Amino acid sequence: MRRPLPIIVIVTMMMLFMTVVVTVAMVVMMIMVVTMPVVMPVTVVMIVVMSVGMRRLTIDFGFALGASTYVTHQLTSKSLIRSSSPLVTCS
């Protein structure tokens, strides 16, 4: 059987681990605080630009959908007129 680690070794390892974790957390927080004045306005500008772009894309998509529907209707009407034996008119 293995002999268990002495309590002092366990406590030392835990303290070392916690020191590393706390140090990394503090560095991350300091970076966030320092970059906050730059990151927040850039984020807001990106959100505004993307929302305007999405709105424009929606308008363009609606136009494209309407145009493709019109073309499909015209093609269907022409083929229906050509293939029918009695004269058929489509509005």
Foldseek 3Di string as FASTA:
>chain_A
DDDDDDPVVVVVVVVVVVVVVVVVVVVVVVVCVVCVVPVVVVVVVVVVVVVVVVVVVVVVVVVVVVVVVVVVVVVVQVVVQVPDDPGDHDD
